[in-house]
Amino acid sequence: MKSIVRHHSGEYVWAGVPKSSGSHFGGPGVRFHPPADSRTCGKGAVTYTARIAVPACR
């Protein structure tokens, strides 16, 4: 696991290095829970840090 963040709503987002990856810096995407979901950034992408941006919150 490289990065994990928890939103005040209870949602977690994290980025990590898959076991099958040759990279030590990150993997191709991020994972979410709840709901259990993931997003990839495309071929060759490396995600190092996960952050939640909520520009409308005050």
N, C-alpha and C. Protein backbone atom coordinates (compact mmCIF):
# COMPACT_ATOMS: atom_id res chain seq x y z
N MET A 1 0.85 -1.17 0.00
CA MET A 1 0.00 0.00 0.00
C MET A 1 0.90 1.24 0.00
N LYS A 2 0.63 2.12 -0.91
CA LYS A 2 1.40 3.36 -1.01
C LYS A 2 0.69 4.54 -0.37
N SER A 3 -0.64 4.59 -0.50
CA SER A 3 -1.38 5.74 -0.03
C SER A 3 -2.80 5.32 0.29
N ILE A 4 -3.34 5.81 1.40
CA ILE A 4 -4.74 5.56 1.74
C ILE A 4 -5.31 6.84 2.36
N VAL A 5 -6.55 7.13 2.02
CA VAL A 5 -7.21 8.32 2.55
C VAL A 5 -8.66 7.96 2.88
N ARG A 6 -9.19 8.53 3.94
CA ARG A 6 -10.58 8.29 4.34
C ARG A 6 -11.34 9.61 4.31
N HIS A 7 -12.43 9.63 3.56
CA HIS A 7 -13.30 10.79 3.46
C HIS A 7 -14.19 10.82 4.70
N HIS A 8 -14.67 11.98 5.10
CA HIS A 8 -15.53 12.09 6.28
C HIS A 8 -16.83 11.31 6.13
N SER A 9 -17.21 10.94 4.90
CA SER A 9 -18.41 10.14 4.66
C SER A 9 -18.17 8.66 4.96
N GLY A 10 -16.91 8.27 5.16
CA GLY A 10 -16.59 6.87 5.44
C GLY A 10 -15.98 6.14 4.26
N GLU A 11 -15.93 6.78 3.09
CA GLU A 11 -15.35 6.14 1.92
C GLU A 11 -13.82 6.15 2.02
N TYR A 12 -13.21 5.03 1.65
CA TYR A 12 -11.75 4.92 1.59
C TYR A 12 -11.31 4.87 0.15
N VAL A 13 -10.16 5.45 -0.14
CA VAL A 13 -9.53 5.38 -1.45
C VAL A 13 -8.07 5.05 -1.19
N TRP A 14 -7.53 4.09 -1.95
CA TRP A 14 -6.13 3.76 -1.76
C TRP A 14 -5.46 3.38 -3.07
N ALA A 15 -4.15 3.56 -3.08
CA ALA A 15 -3.30 3.20 -4.21
C ALA A 15 -2.21 2.29 -3.68
N GLY A 16 -1.82 1.35 -4.47
CA GLY A 16 -0.78 0.43 -4.04
C GLY A 16 -0.07 -0.20 -5.22
N VAL A 17 0.84 -1.10 -4.91
CA VAL A 17 1.60 -1.81 -5.93
C VAL A 17 1.07 -3.24 -6.00
N PRO A 18 0.52 -3.66 -7.15
CA PRO A 18 0.07 -5.04 -7.27
C PRO A 18 1.24 -6.02 -7.13
N LYS A 19 0.99 -7.17 -6.54
CA LYS A 19 2.05 -8.16 -6.33
C LYS A 19 2.71 -8.58 -7.63
N SER A 20 1.97 -8.58 -8.72
CA SER A 20 2.51 -9.00 -10.01
C SER A 20 3.27 -7.88 -10.72
N SER A 21 3.31 -6.70 -10.12
CA SER A 21 3.94 -5.54 -10.75
C SER A 21 5.45 -5.54 -10.50
N GLY A 22 6.20 -5.08 -11.47
CA GLY A 22 7.64 -4.93 -11.30
C GLY A 22 8.00 -3.56 -10.75
N SER A 23 7.01 -2.70 -10.55
CA SER A 23 7.24 -1.34 -10.07
C SER A 23 7.30 -1.30 -8.55
N HIS A 24 8.13 -0.44 -8.02
CA HIS A 24 8.18 -0.20 -6.58
C HIS A 24 7.50 1.12 -6.24
N PHE A 25 7.00 1.84 -7.24
CA PHE A 25 6.45 3.18 -7.03
C PHE A 25 4.94 3.22 -6.96
N GLY A 26 4.25 2.31 -7.62
CA GLY A 26 2.80 2.33 -7.61
C GLY A 26 2.22 1.43 -8.67
N GLY A 27 0.90 1.36 -8.70
CA GLY A 27 0.21 0.53 -9.67
C GLY A 27 -0.54 1.36 -10.68
N PRO A 28 -1.32 0.70 -11.53
CA PRO A 28 -1.99 1.41 -12.61
C PRO A 28 -3.30 2.10 -12.22
N GLY A 29 -3.71 2.06 -10.96
CA GLY A 29 -4.98 2.67 -10.61
C GLY A 29 -5.19 2.82 -9.12
N VAL A 30 -6.44 3.11 -8.74
CA VAL A 30 -6.82 3.27 -7.33
C VAL A 30 -8.04 2.41 -7.05
N ARG A 31 -8.26 2.09 -5.77
CA ARG A 31 -9.40 1.29 -5.34
C ARG A 31 -10.24 2.09 -4.35
N PHE A 32 -11.53 1.79 -4.32
CA PHE A 32 -12.49 2.49 -3.48
C PHE A 32 -13.28 1.50 -2.62
N HIS A 33 -13.69 1.92 -1.43
CA HIS A 33 -14.58 1.12 -0.59
C HIS A 33 -15.24 2.02 0.43
N PRO A 34 -16.50 1.95 0.73
CA PRO A 34 -17.55 1.42 -0.12
C PRO A 34 -17.93 2.43 -1.19
N PRO A 35 -18.50 2.07 -2.25
CA PRO A 35 -18.69 0.71 -2.72
C PRO A 35 -17.38 0.14 -3.23
N ALA A 36 -17.26 -1.17 -3.23
CA ALA A 36 -16.05 -1.83 -3.73
C ALA A 36 -15.93 -1.56 -5.22
N ASP A 37 -14.90 -0.84 -5.61
CA ASP A 37 -14.73 -0.44 -7.01
C ASP A 37 -13.27 -0.10 -7.24
N SER A 38 -12.88 -0.03 -8.48
CA SER A 38 -11.52 0.39 -8.82
C SER A 38 -11.53 1.14 -10.13
N ARG A 39 -10.51 1.95 -10.33
CA ARG A 39 -10.34 2.70 -11.57
C ARG A 39 -8.88 2.56 -12.00
N THR A 40 -8.67 2.34 -13.28
CA THR A 40 -7.31 2.29 -13.80
C THR A 40 -7.06 3.51 -14.66
N CYS A 41 -5.82 3.90 -14.73
CA CYS A 41 -5.46 5.12 -15.43
C CYS A 41 -4.93 4.88 -16.84
N GLY A 42 -4.87 3.65 -17.28
CA GLY A 42 -4.43 3.36 -18.63
C GLY A 42 -3.10 2.64 -18.67
N LYS A 43 -2.77 2.11 -19.82
CA LYS A 43 -1.55 1.33 -20.01
C LYS A 43 -0.31 2.17 -19.73
N GLY A 44 0.54 1.65 -18.89
CA GLY A 44 1.78 2.34 -18.55
C GLY A 44 1.67 3.36 -17.43
N ALA A 45 0.44 3.62 -16.95
CA ALA A 45 0.25 4.61 -15.88
C ALA A 45 0.71 4.05 -14.54
N VAL A 46 1.19 4.92 -13.68
CA VAL A 46 1.58 4.55 -12.33
C VAL A 46 0.95 5.56 -11.37
N THR A 47 0.13 5.06 -10.46
CA THR A 47 -0.52 5.90 -9.45
C THR A 47 0.26 5.77 -8.15
N TYR A 48 0.80 6.86 -7.67
CA TYR A 48 1.63 6.84 -6.47
C TYR A 48 0.86 7.27 -5.23
N THR A 49 -0.04 8.25 -5.37
CA THR A 49 -0.76 8.82 -4.23
C THR A 49 -2.25 8.92 -4.54
N ALA A 50 -3.08 8.56 -3.56
CA ALA A 50 -4.54 8.69 -3.70
C ALA A 50 -5.01 9.86 -2.85
N ARG A 51 -5.86 10.69 -3.38
CA ARG A 51 -6.43 11.82 -2.65
C ARG A 51 -7.90 11.97 -3.04
N ILE A 52 -8.71 12.48 -2.15
CA ILE A 52 -10.11 12.79 -2.44
C ILE A 52 -10.22 14.30 -2.51
N ALA A 53 -10.68 14.80 -3.64
CA ALA A 53 -10.87 16.23 -3.81
C ALA A 53 -12.36 16.54 -3.80
N VAL A 54 -12.78 17.42 -2.91
CA VAL A 54 -14.18 17.82 -2.79
C VAL A 54 -14.22 19.35 -2.79
N PRO A 55 -14.12 19.95 -3.97
CA PRO A 55 -14.04 21.40 -4.02
C PRO A 55 -15.29 22.13 -3.55
N ALA A 56 -16.46 21.47 -3.55
CA ALA A 56 -17.70 22.13 -3.16
C ALA A 56 -17.92 22.15 -1.65
N CYS A 57 -17.12 21.40 -0.89
CA CYS A 57 -17.29 21.36 0.58
C CYS A 57 -16.79 22.64 1.22
N ARG A 58 -17.48 23.05 2.28
CA ARG A 58 -17.05 24.25 3.02
C ARG A 58 -16.97 23.93 4.47
